[in-house]
Amino acid sequence: MSDYLNTLLFTVYPYVALAVMIIGSVLRYEREPYSWRSGSSQLLRRRQLVWGSVLFHAGILFLFFGHFVGLLTPHSVYELFISAEAKQLLAIIAGSIAGIVCFIGLSMLIHRRFFDARIRATSTFADNAILVILWIQLTLGLITVPYSLQHTDGSVMLALSEWAQRILTLRIDGTAELVAAQAWPYQVHILLGLTIFLIFPFSRLVHMLSVPVRYMWRPGYQVVRARNRRETPNRLPAE
């Protein structure tokens, strides 16, 4: 029963989450293009929004690309330049700093959304839920740091990287065992991360895929409003 559950969670569930994210995002963009936005409440508590948003986005972008490169880069590619032990230590230090920065920014955004009556009234359930889920995910990521420090040989990092690379390359044999052998924070962190992929198309997170690159080469234009001559005649008022 335990092997079946591990296979379901760490081998089958990743493909379900990724399939829903990709297909769901395409369908939403095609069918509901005007919902493809993050939403804005910048007129309320603007200073707290700016600080929280900057800290959150700076931290989350670093964590995203750090996870992407760290998990999907084969060990044979970087072992000539850096050892697994050194790479894990670097990931712990850099990831902890970025995680704390992101955690502070996200906490500010959550406080602003939940403790301001006007913002809370205009927030949807999905908006609130995704912030809470991201906050829990960040907390779990920071909890894994002490566990990683207990395995400074890089074994945990190598195991999780192997799992991610096997999932991506469809080599499913033995994938579940790689995660099942790790401590619970890693397992829950991975499952919640997959769940974020699963709900991605149904949340405001889709705006991550909208990078305004086209504005770099878009020709300039000027909006000119026509004047109604009958309403505003070109003459001076009578003295």
C-alpha atoms as a PDB file:
ATOM      1  CA  MET A   1       0.000   0.000   0.000  1.00  0.00           C
ATOM      2  CA  SER A   2       2.841   2.372   0.817  1.00  0.00           C
ATOM      3  CA  ASP A   3       4.585   1.679  -2.510  1.00  0.00           C
ATOM      4  CA  TYR A   4       1.328   2.226  -4.395  1.00  0.00           C
ATOM      5  CA  LEU A   5       0.717   5.557  -2.649  1.00  0.00           C
ATOM      6  CA  ASN A   6       4.291   6.742  -3.298  1.00  0.00           C
ATOM      7  CA  THR A   7       3.953   5.830  -6.971  1.00  0.00           C
ATOM      8  CA  LEU A   8       0.657   7.689  -7.195  1.00  0.00           C
ATOM      9  CA  LEU A   9       2.004  10.833  -5.496  1.00  0.00           C
ATOM     10  CA  PHE A  10       5.538  11.061  -6.896  1.00  0.00           C
ATOM     11  CA  THR A  11       5.223   9.390 -10.307  1.00  0.00           C
ATOM     12  CA  VAL A  12       1.638   9.766 -11.554  1.00  0.00           C
ATOM     13  CA  TYR A  13       0.658  13.055  -9.909  1.00  0.00           C
ATOM     14  CA  PRO A  14       3.518  15.074 -11.501  1.00  0.00           C
ATOM     15  CA  TYR A  15       2.269  14.215 -14.994  1.00  0.00           C
ATOM     16  CA  VAL A  16      -1.331  15.017 -14.071  1.00  0.00           C
ATOM     17  CA  ALA A  17      -0.305  18.401 -12.624  1.00  0.00           C
ATOM     18  CA  LEU A  18       1.891  19.314 -15.593  1.00  0.00           C
ATOM     19  CA  ALA A  19      -0.752  18.239 -18.127  1.00  0.00           C
ATOM     20  CA  VAL A  20      -3.465  20.301 -16.431  1.00  0.00           C
ATOM     21  CA  MET A  21      -1.155  23.325 -16.208  1.00  0.00           C
ATOM     22  CA  ILE A  22      -0.185  23.248 -19.890  1.00  0.00           C
ATOM     23  CA  ILE A  23      -3.563  22.345 -21.399  1.00  0.00           C
ATOM     24  CA  GLY A  24      -5.513  24.523 -18.977  1.00  0.00           C
ATOM     25  CA  SER A  25      -3.315  27.562 -19.631  1.00  0.00           C
ATOM     26  CA  VAL A  26      -3.711  27.225 -23.399  1.00  0.00           C
ATOM     27  CA  LEU A  27      -7.491  26.855 -23.132  1.00  0.00           C
ATOM     28  CA  ARG A  28      -7.836  29.822 -20.809  1.00  0.00           C
ATOM     29  CA  TYR A  29      -5.740  32.027 -23.067  1.00  0.00           C
ATOM     30  CA  GLU A  30      -7.803  31.014 -26.094  1.00  0.00           C
ATOM     31  CA  ARG A  31     -11.251  31.169 -24.498  1.00  0.00           C
ATOM     32  CA  GLU A  32     -10.900  33.838 -21.795  1.00  0.00           C
ATOM     33  CA  PRO A  33      -8.097  36.187 -22.902  1.00  0.00           C
ATOM     34  CA  TYR A  34      -9.471  39.118 -20.895  1.00  0.00           C
ATOM     35  CA  SER A  35      -9.150  37.118 -17.667  1.00  0.00           C
ATOM     36  CA  TRP A  36      -5.417  36.690 -18.345  1.00  0.00           C
ATOM     37  CA  ARG A  37      -4.274  39.266 -15.831  1.00  0.00           C
ATOM     38  CA  SER A  38      -3.065  39.581 -12.265  1.00  0.00           C
ATOM     39  CA  GLY A  39      -5.666  42.101 -11.092  1.00  0.00           C
ATOM     40  CA  SER A  40      -4.735  45.284  -9.312  1.00  0.00           C
ATOM     41  CA  SER A  41      -5.558  47.134  -6.113  1.00  0.00           C
ATOM     42  CA  GLN A  42      -2.647  49.549  -6.298  1.00  0.00           C
ATOM     43  CA  LEU A  43      -4.723  52.570  -5.326  1.00  0.00           C
ATOM     44  CA  LEU A  44      -5.041  51.182  -1.793  1.00  0.00           C
ATOM     45  CA  ARG A  45      -2.041  51.049   0.566  1.00  0.00           C
ATOM     46  CA  ARG A  46       0.301  51.681  -2.342  1.00  0.00           C
ATOM     47  CA  ARG A  47       3.515  51.905  -0.308  1.00  0.00           C
ATOM     48  CA  GLN A  48       2.967  48.524   1.348  1.00  0.00           C
ATOM     49  CA  LEU A  49       2.035  47.048  -2.026  1.00  0.00           C
ATOM     50  CA  VAL A  50       5.209  48.334  -3.679  1.00  0.00           C
ATOM     51  CA  TRP A  51       7.556  47.071  -0.961  1.00  0.00           C
ATOM     52  CA  GLY A  52       5.810  43.740  -0.621  1.00  0.00           C
ATOM     53  CA  SER A  53       5.573  43.222  -4.374  1.00  0.00           C
ATOM     54  CA  VAL A  54       9.234  44.085  -5.025  1.00  0.00           C
ATOM     55  CA  LEU A  55      10.520  41.811  -2.269  1.00  0.00           C
ATOM     56  CA  PHE A  56       8.190  38.982  -3.227  1.00  0.00           C
ATOM     57  CA  HIS A  57       8.915  39.066  -6.956  1.00  0.00           C
ATOM     58  CA  ALA A  58      12.676  39.452  -6.499  1.00  0.00           C
ATOM     59  CA  GLY A  59      12.761  36.465  -4.165  1.00  0.00           C
ATOM     60  CA  ILE A  60      10.367  34.261  -6.111  1.00  0.00           C
ATOM     61  CA  LEU A  61      12.153  34.805  -9.434  1.00  0.00           C
ATOM     62  CA  PHE A  62      15.485  33.824  -7.883  1.00  0.00           C
ATOM     63  CA  LEU A  63      13.928  30.751  -6.279  1.00  0.00           C
ATOM     64  CA  PHE A  64      12.162  29.731  -9.486  1.00  0.00           C
ATOM     65  CA  PHE A  65      15.259  29.858 -11.673  1.00  0.00           C
ATOM     66  CA  GLY A  66      17.361  28.376  -8.883  1.00  0.00           C
ATOM     67  CA  HIS A  67      15.050  25.377  -8.632  1.00  0.00           C
ATOM     68  CA  PHE A  68      14.797  25.113 -12.410  1.00  0.00           C
ATOM     69  CA  VAL A  69      18.551  25.096 -13.005  1.00  0.00           C
ATOM     70  CA  GLY A  70      19.429  23.181  -9.856  1.00  0.00           C
ATOM     71  CA  LEU A  71      16.979  20.345 -10.368  1.00  0.00           C
ATOM     72  CA  LEU A  72      17.172  19.945 -14.142  1.00  0.00           C
ATOM     73  CA  THR A  73      20.928  20.315 -14.702  1.00  0.00           C
ATOM     74  CA  PRO A  74      22.570  16.865 -14.798  1.00  0.00           C
ATOM     75  CA  HIS A  75      25.380  16.278 -12.319  1.00  0.00           C
ATOM     76  CA  SER A  76      27.755  15.391 -15.155  1.00  0.00           C
ATOM     77  CA  VAL A  77      27.395  18.916 -16.578  1.00  0.00           C
ATOM     78  CA  TYR A  78      28.597  20.841 -13.540  1.00  0.00           C
ATOM     79  CA  GLU A  79      30.803  18.316 -11.698  1.00  0.00           C
ATOM     80  CA  LEU A  80      33.858  19.586 -13.596  1.00  0.00           C
ATOM     81  CA  PHE A  81      33.341  23.069 -12.124  1.00  0.00           C
ATOM     82  CA  ILE A  82      31.742  22.507  -8.729  1.00  0.00           C
ATOM     83  CA  SER A  83      31.238  19.508  -6.483  1.00  0.00           C
ATOM     84  CA  ALA A  84      27.857  18.298  -5.330  1.00  0.00           C
ATOM     85  CA  GLU A  85      28.699  19.294  -1.762  1.00  0.00           C
ATOM     86  CA  ALA A  86      29.651  22.836  -2.770  1.00  0.00           C
ATOM     87  CA  LYS A  87      26.605  23.177  -5.005  1.00  0.00           C
ATOM     88  CA  GLN A  88      24.265  22.127  -2.192  1.00  0.00           C
ATOM     89  CA  LEU A  89      25.900  24.562   0.226  1.00  0.00           C
ATOM     90  CA  LEU A  90      25.587  27.343  -2.333  1.00  0.00           C
ATOM     91  CA  ALA A  91      21.940  26.436  -2.887  1.00  0.00           C
ATOM     92  CA  ILE A  92      21.271  26.464   0.857  1.00  0.00           C
ATOM     93  CA  ILE A  93      22.838  29.899   1.410  1.00  0.00           C
ATOM     94  CA  ALA A  94      21.452  31.606  -1.693  1.00  0.00           C
ATOM     95  CA  GLY A  95      18.080  29.884  -1.391  1.00  0.00           C
ATOM     96  CA  SER A  96      17.739  30.833   2.267  1.00  0.00           C
ATOM     97  CA  ILE A  97      18.434  34.510   1.542  1.00  0.00           C
ATOM     98  CA  ALA A  98      16.017  34.592  -1.393  1.00  0.00           C
ATOM     99  CA  GLY A  99      13.447  32.620   0.587  1.00  0.00           C
ATOM    100  CA  ILE A 100      13.545  35.030   3.515  1.00  0.00           C
ATOM    101  CA  VAL A 101      13.264  38.049   1.198  1.00  0.00           C
ATOM    102  CA  CYS A 102      10.328  36.441  -0.596  1.00  0.00           C
ATOM    103  CA  PHE A 103       8.730  35.415   2.708  1.00  0.00           C
ATOM    104  CA  ILE A 104       8.870  38.977   4.045  1.00  0.00           C
ATOM    105  CA  GLY A 105       7.396  40.415   0.849  1.00  0.00           C
ATOM    106  CA  LEU A 106       4.618  37.839   0.678  1.00  0.00           C
ATOM    107  CA  SER A 107       3.778  38.339   4.349  1.00  0.00           C
ATOM    108  CA  MET A 108       3.393  42.077   3.679  1.00  0.00           C
ATOM    109  CA  LEU A 109       1.070  41.357   0.761  1.00  0.00           C
ATOM    110  CA  ILE A 110      -1.014  38.937   2.829  1.00  0.00           C
ATOM    111  CA  HIS A 111      -1.257  41.415   5.700  1.00  0.00           C
ATOM    112  CA  ARG A 112      -2.353  44.129   3.278  1.00  0.00           C
ATOM    113  CA  ARG A 113      -4.996  41.942   1.639  1.00  0.00           C
ATOM    114  CA  PHE A 114      -6.477  40.420   4.791  1.00  0.00           C
ATOM    115  CA  PHE A 115      -6.304  43.344   7.216  1.00  0.00           C
ATOM    116  CA  ASP A 116      -7.516  46.164   4.991  1.00  0.00           C
ATOM    117  CA  ALA A 117     -11.313  46.050   4.839  1.00  0.00           C
ATOM    118  CA  ARG A 118     -11.551  47.663   1.387  1.00  0.00           C
ATOM    119  CA  ILE A 119      -8.977  45.342  -0.198  1.00  0.00           C
ATOM    120  CA  ARG A 120     -10.483  42.326   1.539  1.00  0.00           C
ATOM    121  CA  ALA A 121     -13.909  43.222   0.178  1.00  0.00           C
ATOM    122  CA  THR A 122     -12.648  43.332  -3.418  1.00  0.00           C
ATOM    123  CA  SER A 123     -10.562  40.140  -3.169  1.00  0.00           C
ATOM    124  CA  THR A 124     -11.803  36.829  -4.496  1.00  0.00           C
ATOM    125  CA  PHE A 125     -11.442  33.480  -2.796  1.00  0.00           C
ATOM    126  CA  ALA A 126      -8.917  32.421  -5.443  1.00  0.00           C
ATOM    127  CA  ASP A 127      -6.786  35.533  -4.824  1.00  0.00           C
ATOM    128  CA  ASN A 128      -6.644  34.857  -1.084  1.00  0.00           C
ATOM    129  CA  ALA A 129      -6.122  31.123  -1.468  1.00  0.00           C
ATOM    130  CA  ILE A 130      -3.148  31.398  -3.823  1.00  0.00           C
ATOM    131  CA  LEU A 131      -1.376  33.831  -1.496  1.00  0.00           C
ATOM    132  CA  VAL A 132      -1.836  31.480   1.456  1.00  0.00           C
ATOM    133  CA  ILE A 133      -0.683  28.470  -0.575  1.00  0.00           C
ATOM    134  CA  LEU A 134       2.451  30.302  -1.708  1.00  0.00           C
ATOM    135  CA  TRP A 135       3.136  31.383   1.890  1.00  0.00           C
ATOM    136  CA  ILE A 136       2.882  27.773   3.113  1.00  0.00           C
ATOM    137  CA  GLN A 137       5.108  26.623   0.262  1.00  0.00           C
ATOM    138  CA  LEU A 138       7.753  29.185   1.183  1.00  0.00           C
ATOM    139  CA  THR A 139       7.564  28.130   4.825  1.00  0.00           C
ATOM    140  CA  LEU A 140       8.069  24.486   3.868  1.00  0.00           C
ATOM    141  CA  GLY A 141      11.041  25.447   1.733  1.00  0.00           C
ATOM    142  CA  LEU A 142      12.673  27.234   4.657  1.00  0.00           C
ATOM    143  CA  ILE A 143      11.934  24.254   6.918  1.00  0.00           C
ATOM    144  CA  THR A 144      13.957  22.010   4.591  1.00  0.00           C
ATOM    145  CA  VAL A 145      17.119  24.061   5.228  1.00  0.00           C
ATOM    146  CA  PRO A 146      18.019  22.429   8.609  1.00  0.00           C
ATOM    147  CA  TYR A 147      17.404  19.002   7.062  1.00  0.00           C
ATOM    148  CA  SER A 148      19.711  19.825   4.165  1.00  0.00           C
ATOM    149  CA  LEU A 149      22.439  20.910   6.581  1.00  0.00           C
ATOM    150  CA  GLN A 150      22.358  17.391   8.039  1.00  0.00           C
ATOM    151  CA  HIS A 151      23.347  15.988   4.633  1.00  0.00           C
ATOM    152  CA  THR A 152      26.218  18.153   3.504  1.00  0.00           C
ATOM    153  CA  ASP A 153      27.443  15.451   1.121  1.00  0.00           C
ATOM    154  CA  GLY A 154      24.883  16.568  -1.439  1.00  0.00           C
ATOM    155  CA  SER A 155      23.006  13.251  -1.430  1.00  0.00           C
ATOM    156  CA  VAL A 156      19.569  14.820  -0.965  1.00  0.00           C
ATOM    157  CA  MET A 157      20.134  17.325  -3.755  1.00  0.00           C
ATOM    158  CA  LEU A 158      21.327  14.600  -6.111  1.00  0.00           C
ATOM    159  CA  ALA A 159      18.342  12.387  -5.307  1.00  0.00           C
ATOM    160  CA  LEU A 160      15.784  15.132  -5.876  1.00  0.00           C
ATOM    161  CA  SER A 161      17.546  16.260  -9.059  1.00  0.00           C
ATOM    162  CA  GLU A 162      17.498  12.698 -10.344  1.00  0.00           C
ATOM    163  CA  TRP A 163      13.770  12.484  -9.593  1.00  0.00           C
ATOM    164  CA  ALA A 164      12.983  15.695 -11.484  1.00  0.00           C
ATOM    165  CA  GLN A 165      15.129  14.718 -14.465  1.00  0.00           C
ATOM    166  CA  ARG A 166      13.547  11.254 -14.651  1.00  0.00           C
ATOM    167  CA  ILE A 167      10.068  12.762 -14.610  1.00  0.00           C
ATOM    168  CA  LEU A 168      11.011  15.182 -17.395  1.00  0.00           C
ATOM    169  CA  THR A 169      12.593  12.467 -19.559  1.00  0.00           C
ATOM    170  CA  LEU A 170       9.818   9.924 -18.914  1.00  0.00           C
ATOM    171  CA  ARG A 171      12.122   7.477 -17.088  1.00  0.00           C
ATOM    172  CA  ILE A 172       9.594   6.524 -14.434  1.00  0.00           C
ATOM    173  CA  ASP A 173      11.285   3.411 -13.048  1.00  0.00           C
ATOM    174  CA  GLY A 174      12.297   4.034  -9.439  1.00  0.00           C
ATOM    175  CA  THR A 175      11.238   7.677  -9.398  1.00  0.00           C
ATOM    176  CA  ALA A 176       8.914   7.360  -6.408  1.00  0.00           C
ATOM    177  CA  GLU A 177      11.597   5.777  -4.231  1.00  0.00           C
ATOM    178  CA  LEU A 178      13.879   8.780  -4.714  1.00  0.00           C
ATOM    179  CA  VAL A 179      11.394  11.096  -2.989  1.00  0.00           C
ATOM    180  CA  ALA A 180       9.912   8.557  -0.559  1.00  0.00           C
ATOM    181  CA  ALA A 181      13.350   8.101   1.015  1.00  0.00           C
ATOM    182  CA  GLN A 182      13.567  11.799   1.959  1.00  0.00           C
ATOM    183  CA  ALA A 183      12.294  13.581   5.082  1.00  0.00           C
ATOM    184  CA  TRP A 184       8.676  14.758   5.225  1.00  0.00           C
ATOM    185  CA  PRO A 185       9.345  18.476   4.516  1.00  0.00           C
ATOM    186  CA  TYR A 186      10.802  17.594   1.123  1.00  0.00           C
ATOM    187  CA  GLN A 187       7.847  15.371   0.279  1.00  0.00           C
ATOM    188  CA  VAL A 188       5.204  17.902   1.299  1.00  0.00           C
ATOM    189  CA  HIS A 189       7.152  20.701  -0.425  1.00  0.00           C
ATOM    190  CA  ILE A 190       7.163  18.737  -3.681  1.00  0.00           C
ATOM    191  CA  LEU A 191       3.482  17.783  -3.431  1.00  0.00           C
ATOM    192  CA  LEU A 192       2.394  21.346  -2.741  1.00  0.00           C
ATOM    193  CA  GLY A 193       4.590  22.574  -5.586  1.00  0.00           C
ATOM    194  CA  LEU A 194       2.863  20.125  -7.942  1.00  0.00           C
ATOM    195  CA  THR A 195      -0.485  21.315  -6.628  1.00  0.00           C
ATOM    196  CA  ILE A 196       0.480  24.887  -7.532  1.00  0.00           C
ATOM    197  CA  PHE A 197       1.124  23.652 -11.081  1.00  0.00           C
ATOM    198  CA  LEU A 198      -2.310  21.988 -10.997  1.00  0.00           C
ATOM    199  CA  ILE A 199      -4.221  25.148 -10.017  1.00  0.00           C
ATOM    200  CA  PHE A 200      -2.015  27.447 -12.109  1.00  0.00           C
ATOM    201  CA  PRO A 201      -4.454  27.890 -15.054  1.00  0.00           C
ATOM    202  CA  PHE A 202      -7.333  28.702 -12.711  1.00  0.00           C
ATOM    203  CA  SER A 203      -5.582  31.436 -10.752  1.00  0.00           C
ATOM    204  CA  ARG A 204      -3.991  34.842 -11.265  1.00  0.00           C
ATOM    205  CA  LEU A 205      -0.609  33.104 -11.577  1.00  0.00           C
ATOM    206  CA  VAL A 206      -1.115  32.875 -15.337  1.00  0.00           C
ATOM    207  CA  HIS A 207       0.170  36.444 -15.653  1.00  0.00           C
ATOM    208  CA  MET A 208       3.652  34.961 -15.121  1.00  0.00           C
ATOM    209  CA  LEU A 209       3.511  33.763 -18.734  1.00  0.00           C
ATOM    210  CA  SER A 210       2.709  37.219 -20.105  1.00  0.00           C
ATOM    211  CA  VAL A 211       6.006  38.989 -20.636  1.00  0.00           C
ATOM    212  CA  PRO A 212       5.472  42.302 -22.505  1.00  0.00           C
ATOM    213  CA  VAL A 213       8.381  41.752 -24.897  1.00  0.00           C
ATOM    214  CA  ARG A 214       6.476  43.178 -27.884  1.00  0.00           C
ATOM    215  CA  TYR A 215       6.467  46.641 -26.302  1.00  0.00           C
ATOM    216  CA  MET A 216      10.212  46.846 -26.969  1.00  0.00           C
ATOM    217  CA  TRP A 217       9.745  47.120 -30.741  1.00  0.00           C
ATOM    218  CA  ARG A 218       6.175  48.437 -30.913  1.00  0.00           C
ATOM    219  CA  PRO A 219       6.023  51.677 -32.963  1.00  0.00           C
ATOM    220  CA  GLY A 220       4.974  54.746 -31.083  1.00  0.00           C
ATOM    221  CA  TYR A 221       1.589  56.293 -31.572  1.00  0.00           C
ATOM    222  CA  GLN A 222      -0.370  59.275 -30.374  1.00  0.00           C
ATOM    223  CA  VAL A 223      -3.986  59.255 -29.296  1.00  0.00           C
ATOM    224  CA  VAL A 224      -5.839  62.274 -30.716  1.00  0.00           C
ATOM    225  CA  ARG A 225      -9.363  63.107 -29.626  1.00  0.00           C
ATOM    226  CA  ALA A 226     -11.489  64.769 -32.268  1.00  0.00           C
ATOM    227  CA  ARG A 227     -13.222  68.004 -31.348  1.00  0.00           C
ATOM    228  CA  ASN A 228     -16.922  68.393 -31.920  1.00  0.00           C
ATOM    229  CA  ARG A 229     -17.093  71.777 -33.640  1.00  0.00           C
ATOM    230  CA  ARG A 230     -20.809  72.275 -33.007  1.00  0.00           C
ATOM    231  CA  GLU A 231     -20.329  71.857 -29.254  1.00  0.00           C
ATOM    232  CA  THR A 232     -17.128  73.930 -29.021  1.00  0.00           C
ATOM    233  CA  PRO A 233     -17.224  76.648 -31.711  1.00  0.00           C
ATOM    234  CA  ASN A 234     -13.956  78.375 -32.498  1.00  0.00           C
ATOM    235  CA  ARG A 235     -15.000  81.843 -31.422  1.00  0.00           C
ATOM    236  CA  LEU A 236     -14.648  84.137 -28.448  1.00  0.00           C
ATOM    237  CA  PRO A 237     -17.609  84.645 -26.132  1.00  0.00           C
ATOM    238  CA  ALA A 238     -19.455  87.910 -26.498  1.00  0.00           C
ATOM    239  CA  GLU A 239     -18.459  90.720 -24.160  1.00  0.00           C
END
